[in-house]
Amino acid sequence: MKFYKSAILVAAMLLGFSSVASATFFHGHHHHHGGCGDDSSLCDNPETYSETFTASVSNYYEFGYMDFDAITDPADLDITSATLKISTNANGWWDDLYAYTDNWYGTGLSYLGSLDGGVEMFSLSSDLFDEILAGISFKAWFSKWSEDVFWAELTVNGEYCPPVSEVPVPAAVWLLGSGLMGMTAMRRRKKTA
């Protein structure tokens, strides 16, 4: 009978050890105010984020279009800065760059600056951070049809709260438990012999 009690005790210990430890927190939407949202208590361990995205580029007549996908990972990214880097053969005569969100002909259009050709960098304002998260597009408006956008990259920096992952129980716990059960059984046999 003692053996069964010991076995049940060891099994209960193993089941207790095998439960998975996890922690959860509420952090359900994007922020761009600096530091993982307005309430820093929501994020105890902010991590630095920096990634460069490449646009899909298309040129039609005197327009060059650059489309970036939405940023969905990490889900709670807090953008602190964003820089657009583009390469064109613009000649600087009425060549301009715009950001847009709804359509290419005007709604949600923001003027970013003029294009002089070569590789140019534009620092994007925080007004566009939500649009960057949702998937932003840019339009270069050239004075000649022979001018094009060759490539475009968007570098996004910020912070995010990494998910607290589940912590699996190491295999050593199972080995320890089976060893304890075996030792208990051997001890019981010695006592009865």
C-alpha atoms as a PDB file:
ATOM      1  CA  MET A   1       0.000   0.000   0.000  1.00  0.00           C
ATOM      2  CA  LYS A   2       2.898   2.328   0.784  1.00  0.00           C
ATOM      3  CA  PHE A   3       4.199   1.830  -2.748  1.00  0.00           C
ATOM      4  CA  TYR A   4       0.951   3.054  -4.242  1.00  0.00           C
ATOM      5  CA  LYS A   5       0.918   6.084  -1.960  1.00  0.00           C
ATOM      6  CA  SER A   6       4.477   6.910  -3.009  1.00  0.00           C
ATOM      7  CA  ALA A   7       3.643   6.407  -6.675  1.00  0.00           C
ATOM      8  CA  ILE A   8       0.596   8.661  -6.385  1.00  0.00           C
ATOM      9  CA  LEU A   9       2.672  11.309  -4.608  1.00  0.00           C
ATOM     10  CA  VAL A  10       5.364  11.218  -7.307  1.00  0.00           C
ATOM     11  CA  ALA A  11       2.712  11.329 -10.053  1.00  0.00           C
ATOM     12  CA  ALA A  12       1.086  14.331  -8.405  1.00  0.00           C
ATOM     13  CA  MET A  13       4.467  16.054  -8.200  1.00  0.00           C
ATOM     14  CA  LEU A  14       5.112  15.349 -11.880  1.00  0.00           C
ATOM     15  CA  LEU A  15       1.721  16.684 -12.879  1.00  0.00           C
ATOM     16  CA  GLY A  16       2.361  19.779 -10.800  1.00  0.00           C
ATOM     17  CA  PHE A  17       5.730  20.310 -12.449  1.00  0.00           C
ATOM     18  CA  SER A  18       4.356  19.670 -15.909  1.00  0.00           C
ATOM     19  CA  SER A  19       1.885  22.505 -15.773  1.00  0.00           C
ATOM     20  CA  VAL A  20       3.053  25.244 -18.071  1.00  0.00           C
ATOM     21  CA  ALA A  21       3.956  28.601 -16.608  1.00  0.00           C
ATOM     22  CA  SER A  22       2.754  31.560 -18.577  1.00  0.00           C
ATOM     23  CA  ALA A  23       1.961  35.184 -18.044  1.00  0.00           C
ATOM     24  CA  THR A  24      -0.326  37.430 -20.014  1.00  0.00           C
ATOM     25  CA  PHE A  25      -0.686  41.154 -20.372  1.00  0.00           C
ATOM     26  CA  PHE A  26      -3.077  43.450 -22.170  1.00  0.00           C
ATOM     27  CA  HIS A  27      -1.494  45.435 -24.947  1.00  0.00           C
ATOM     28  CA  GLY A  28      -3.907  45.310 -27.790  1.00  0.00           C
ATOM     29  CA  HIS A  29      -3.187  48.186 -30.189  1.00  0.00           C
ATOM     30  CA  HIS A  30      -0.476  50.176 -31.933  1.00  0.00           C
ATOM     31  CA  HIS A  31       1.061  53.254 -30.377  1.00  0.00           C
ATOM     32  CA  HIS A  32       3.489  55.836 -31.644  1.00  0.00           C
ATOM     33  CA  HIS A  33       4.123  57.981 -28.593  1.00  0.00           C
ATOM     34  CA  GLY A  34       7.462  56.503 -27.528  1.00  0.00           C
ATOM     35  CA  GLY A  35       8.033  53.691 -25.058  1.00  0.00           C
ATOM     36  CA  CYS A  36       5.467  50.941 -25.619  1.00  0.00           C
ATOM     37  CA  GLY A  37       2.418  53.104 -25.280  1.00  0.00           C
ATOM     38  CA  ASP A  38       1.244  55.711 -22.815  1.00  0.00           C
ATOM     39  CA  ASP A  39       1.151  53.407 -19.806  1.00  0.00           C
ATOM     40  CA  SER A  40       4.615  51.958 -19.262  1.00  0.00           C
ATOM     41  CA  SER A  41       3.232  49.515 -16.687  1.00  0.00           C
ATOM     42  CA  LEU A  42       1.738  47.573 -19.609  1.00  0.00           C
ATOM     43  CA  CYS A  43       5.205  46.638 -20.807  1.00  0.00           C
ATOM     44  CA  ASP A  44       7.846  45.564 -18.313  1.00  0.00           C
ATOM     45  CA  ASN A  45      10.413  44.475 -20.886  1.00  0.00           C
ATOM     46  CA  PRO A  46      10.326  46.674 -24.029  1.00  0.00           C
ATOM     47  CA  GLU A  47      12.567  45.513 -26.857  1.00  0.00           C
ATOM     48  CA  THR A  48      14.187  47.602 -29.578  1.00  0.00           C
ATOM     49  CA  TYR A  49      12.794  47.181 -33.083  1.00  0.00           C
ATOM     50  CA  SER A  50      14.529  48.107 -36.331  1.00  0.00           C
ATOM     51  CA  GLU A  51      13.707  46.746 -39.763  1.00  0.00           C
ATOM     52  CA  THR A  52      14.108  47.826 -43.378  1.00  0.00           C
ATOM     53  CA  PHE A  53      11.354  47.018 -45.870  1.00  0.00           C
ATOM     54  CA  THR A  54      11.602  47.013 -49.661  1.00  0.00           C
ATOM     55  CA  ALA A  55       8.784  48.489 -51.732  1.00  0.00           C
ATOM     56  CA  SER A  56       7.187  47.109 -54.810  1.00  0.00           C
ATOM     57  CA  VAL A  57       7.906  49.828 -57.403  1.00  0.00           C
ATOM     58  CA  SER A  58       6.037  50.580 -60.622  1.00  0.00           C
ATOM     59  CA  ASN A  59       6.532  53.450 -63.060  1.00  0.00           C
ATOM     60  CA  TYR A  60       3.774  54.773 -65.343  1.00  0.00           C
ATOM     61  CA  TYR A  61       4.279  57.811 -67.555  1.00  0.00           C
ATOM     62  CA  GLU A  62       5.501  60.604 -65.250  1.00  0.00           C
ATOM     63  CA  PHE A  63       4.595  58.764 -62.010  1.00  0.00           C
ATOM     64  CA  GLY A  64       6.530  56.320 -59.858  1.00  0.00           C
ATOM     65  CA  TYR A  65       4.605  54.313 -57.257  1.00  0.00           C
ATOM     66  CA  MET A  66       6.097  52.651 -54.188  1.00  0.00           C
ATOM     67  CA  ASP A  67       3.882  50.358 -52.083  1.00  0.00           C
ATOM     68  CA  PHE A  68       4.875  48.915 -48.696  1.00  0.00           C
ATOM     69  CA  ASP A  69       3.065  46.096 -46.933  1.00  0.00           C
ATOM     70  CA  ALA A  70       1.461  46.559 -43.521  1.00  0.00           C
ATOM     71  CA  ILE A  71       3.576  45.822 -40.451  1.00  0.00           C
ATOM     72  CA  THR A  72       1.779  43.163 -38.455  1.00  0.00           C
ATOM     73  CA  ASP A  73       4.636  41.682 -36.473  1.00  0.00           C
ATOM     74  CA  PRO A  74       5.197  42.715 -33.755  1.00  0.00           C
ATOM     75  CA  ALA A  75       1.526  43.529 -33.176  1.00  0.00           C
ATOM     76  CA  ASP A  76       2.168  46.254 -30.588  1.00  0.00           C
ATOM     77  CA  LEU A  77       4.956  48.123 -32.379  1.00  0.00           C
ATOM     78  CA  ASP A  78       5.520  51.659 -31.112  1.00  0.00           C
ATOM     79  CA  ILE A  79       7.260  53.518 -33.980  1.00  0.00           C
ATOM     80  CA  THR A  80       9.781  56.145 -32.902  1.00  0.00           C
ATOM     81  CA  SER A  81      11.226  57.035 -36.332  1.00  0.00           C
ATOM     82  CA  ALA A  82      10.835  56.112 -39.986  1.00  0.00           C
ATOM     83  CA  THR A  83      13.029  56.946 -42.962  1.00  0.00           C
ATOM     84  CA  LEU A  84      12.265  56.518 -46.659  1.00  0.00           C
ATOM     85  CA  LYS A  85      15.252  56.006 -48.960  1.00  0.00           C
ATOM     86  CA  ILE A  86      14.650  56.080 -52.721  1.00  0.00           C
ATOM     87  CA  SER A  87      16.709  56.008 -55.892  1.00  0.00           C
ATOM     88  CA  THR A  88      15.509  57.970 -58.940  1.00  0.00           C
ATOM     89  CA  ASN A  89      16.804  59.656 -62.050  1.00  0.00           C
ATOM     90  CA  ALA A  90      14.820  62.839 -61.335  1.00  0.00           C
ATOM     91  CA  ASN A  91      16.249  66.078 -62.726  1.00  0.00           C
ATOM     92  CA  GLY A  92      14.957  68.351 -59.955  1.00  0.00           C
ATOM     93  CA  TRP A  93      12.526  70.340 -62.144  1.00  0.00           C
ATOM     94  CA  TRP A  94       9.103  70.014 -60.489  1.00  0.00           C
ATOM     95  CA  ASP A  95       9.836  66.473 -59.365  1.00  0.00           C
ATOM     96  CA  ASP A  96       8.050  65.825 -56.063  1.00  0.00           C
ATOM     97  CA  LEU A  97       7.386  62.999 -53.631  1.00  0.00           C
ATOM     98  CA  TYR A  98       4.059  62.361 -51.883  1.00  0.00           C
ATOM     99  CA  ALA A  99       2.720  59.855 -49.369  1.00  0.00           C
ATOM    100  CA  TYR A 100      -0.848  58.675 -49.848  1.00  0.00           C
ATOM    101  CA  THR A 101      -3.191  56.274 -48.134  1.00  0.00           C
ATOM    102  CA  ASP A 102      -6.544  56.053 -49.951  1.00  0.00           C
ATOM    103  CA  ASN A 103      -5.819  56.512 -53.645  1.00  0.00           C
ATOM    104  CA  TRP A 104      -3.189  57.969 -55.934  1.00  0.00           C
ATOM    105  CA  TYR A 105      -5.049  61.091 -57.054  1.00  0.00           C
ATOM    106  CA  GLY A 106      -5.373  63.061 -53.872  1.00  0.00           C
ATOM    107  CA  THR A 107      -7.194  61.728 -50.825  1.00  0.00           C
ATOM    108  CA  GLY A 108      -4.800  61.474 -47.907  1.00  0.00           C
ATOM    109  CA  LEU A 109      -1.906  62.923 -49.906  1.00  0.00           C
ATOM    110  CA  SER A 110       1.051  64.392 -47.969  1.00  0.00           C
ATOM    111  CA  TYR A 111       3.869  66.321 -49.620  1.00  0.00           C
ATOM    112  CA  LEU A 112       7.287  65.008 -48.519  1.00  0.00           C
ATOM    113  CA  GLY A 113       9.705  67.047 -50.624  1.00  0.00           C
ATOM    114  CA  SER A 114      11.314  67.480 -54.013  1.00  0.00           C
ATOM    115  CA  LEU A 115      13.398  64.894 -55.854  1.00  0.00           C
ATOM    116  CA  ASP A 116      16.817  65.818 -57.256  1.00  0.00           C
ATOM    117  CA  GLY A 117      17.946  62.413 -58.496  1.00  0.00           C
ATOM    118  CA  GLY A 118      20.251  59.748 -57.132  1.00  0.00           C
ATOM    119  CA  VAL A 119      19.666  58.218 -53.704  1.00  0.00           C
ATOM    120  CA  GLU A 120      17.671  60.479 -51.391  1.00  0.00           C
ATOM    121  CA  MET A 121      16.424  60.094 -47.815  1.00  0.00           C
ATOM    122  CA  PHE A 122      13.241  61.489 -46.301  1.00  0.00           C
ATOM    123  CA  SER A 123      12.517  61.452 -42.577  1.00  0.00           C
ATOM    124  CA  LEU A 124       8.809  60.727 -42.144  1.00  0.00           C
ATOM    125  CA  SER A 125       6.742  62.616 -39.581  1.00  0.00           C
ATOM    126  CA  SER A 126       4.851  60.909 -36.770  1.00  0.00           C
ATOM    127  CA  ASP A 127       1.617  61.853 -38.591  1.00  0.00           C
ATOM    128  CA  LEU A 128       2.367  58.967 -40.974  1.00  0.00           C
ATOM    129  CA  PHE A 129       3.235  56.318 -38.372  1.00  0.00           C
ATOM    130  CA  ASP A 130      -0.276  54.822 -38.286  1.00  0.00           C
ATOM    131  CA  GLU A 131      -0.247  54.730 -42.089  1.00  0.00           C
ATOM    132  CA  ILE A 132       3.124  52.944 -42.035  1.00  0.00           C
ATOM    133  CA  LEU A 133       1.666  50.294 -39.756  1.00  0.00           C
ATOM    134  CA  ALA A 134      -1.356  49.888 -42.045  1.00  0.00           C
ATOM    135  CA  GLY A 135       0.715  49.763 -45.258  1.00  0.00           C
ATOM    136  CA  ILE A 136       1.798  53.059 -46.758  1.00  0.00           C
ATOM    137  CA  SER A 137       2.302  54.038 -50.402  1.00  0.00           C
ATOM    138  CA  PHE A 138       4.300  56.824 -52.006  1.00  0.00           C
ATOM    139  CA  LYS A 139       4.048  58.574 -55.364  1.00  0.00           C
ATOM    140  CA  ALA A 140       6.851  60.333 -57.187  1.00  0.00           C
ATOM    141  CA  TRP A 141       5.536  62.924 -59.633  1.00  0.00           C
ATOM    142  CA  PHE A 142       8.118  63.651 -62.323  1.00  0.00           C
ATOM    143  CA  SER A 143       8.277  66.414 -64.908  1.00  0.00           C
ATOM    144  CA  LYS A 144       9.277  63.956 -67.680  1.00  0.00           C
ATOM    145  CA  TRP A 145       8.131  60.481 -68.689  1.00  0.00           C
ATOM    146  CA  SER A 146      11.760  59.350 -68.904  1.00  0.00           C
ATOM    147  CA  GLU A 147      12.248  59.757 -65.129  1.00  0.00           C
ATOM    148  CA  ASP A 148      11.709  56.713 -62.905  1.00  0.00           C
ATOM    149  CA  VAL A 149      11.958  55.328 -59.400  1.00  0.00           C
ATOM    150  CA  PHE A 150      14.489  52.482 -59.355  1.00  0.00           C
ATOM    151  CA  TRP A 151      14.012  51.219 -55.789  1.00  0.00           C
ATOM    152  CA  ALA A 152      12.693  52.321 -52.396  1.00  0.00           C
ATOM    153  CA  GLU A 153      13.357  51.204 -48.826  1.00  0.00           C
ATOM    154  CA  LEU A 154      11.555  52.108 -45.627  1.00  0.00           C
ATOM    155  CA  THR A 155      13.483  51.811 -42.344  1.00  0.00           C
ATOM    156  CA  VAL A 156      11.288  51.679 -39.241  1.00  0.00           C
ATOM    157  CA  ASN A 157      12.636  51.998 -35.691  1.00  0.00           C
ATOM    158  CA  GLY A 158      10.725  51.639 -32.461  1.00  0.00           C
ATOM    159  CA  GLU A 159       9.911  49.525 -29.435  1.00  0.00           C
ATOM    160  CA  TYR A 160       7.569  46.649 -28.799  1.00  0.00           C
ATOM    161  CA  CYS A 161       6.531  44.416 -25.942  1.00  0.00           C
ATOM    162  CA  PRO A 162       7.650  40.862 -26.691  1.00  0.00           C
ATOM    163  CA  PRO A 163       5.088  38.190 -25.856  1.00  0.00           C
ATOM    164  CA  VAL A 164       5.752  36.274 -22.685  1.00  0.00           C
ATOM    165  CA  SER A 165       6.149  32.767 -23.993  1.00  0.00           C
ATOM    166  CA  GLU A 166       5.067  29.595 -22.307  1.00  0.00           C
ATOM    167  CA  VAL A 167       7.876  27.895 -20.441  1.00  0.00           C
ATOM    168  CA  PRO A 168       7.941  24.127 -21.058  1.00  0.00           C
ATOM    169  CA  VAL A 169       9.090  21.810 -18.320  1.00  0.00           C
ATOM    170  CA  PRO A 170      12.468  20.313 -19.160  1.00  0.00           C
ATOM    171  CA  ALA A 171      12.791  16.607 -19.807  1.00  0.00           C
ATOM    172  CA  ALA A 172      14.951  16.332 -16.685  1.00  0.00           C
ATOM    173  CA  VAL A 173      11.825  16.641 -14.514  1.00  0.00           C
ATOM    174  CA  TRP A 174      10.347  13.545 -16.147  1.00  0.00           C
ATOM    175  CA  LEU A 175      13.608  11.648 -15.692  1.00  0.00           C
ATOM    176  CA  LEU A 176      13.825  12.721 -12.066  1.00  0.00           C
ATOM    177  CA  GLY A 177      10.233  11.607 -11.439  1.00  0.00           C
ATOM    178  CA  SER A 178      10.694   8.205 -13.036  1.00  0.00           C
ATOM    179  CA  GLY A 179      13.949   7.752 -11.126  1.00  0.00           C
ATOM    180  CA  LEU A 180      12.191   8.557  -7.832  1.00  0.00           C
ATOM    181  CA  MET A 181       9.453   6.058  -8.631  1.00  0.00           C
ATOM    182  CA  GLY A 182      12.053   3.399  -9.444  1.00  0.00           C
ATOM    183  CA  MET A 183      13.985   4.051  -6.235  1.00  0.00           C
ATOM    184  CA  THR A 184      10.759   3.898  -4.225  1.00  0.00           C
ATOM    185  CA  ALA A 185       9.874   0.553  -5.822  1.00  0.00           C
ATOM    186  CA  MET A 186      13.352  -0.856  -5.139  1.00  0.00           C
ATOM    187  CA  ARG A 187      13.204   0.337  -1.547  1.00  0.00           C
ATOM    188  CA  ARG A 188       9.805  -1.314  -1.087  1.00  0.00           C
ATOM    189  CA  ARG A 189      11.161  -4.625  -2.506  1.00  0.00           C
ATOM    190  CA  LYS A 190      14.133  -4.516  -0.112  1.00  0.00           C
ATOM    191  CA  LYS A 191      11.842  -4.015   2.869  1.00  0.00           C
ATOM    192  CA  THR A 192       9.597  -6.946   1.922  1.00  0.00           C
ATOM    193  CA  ALA A 193      12.515  -9.292   1.210  1.00  0.00           C
END
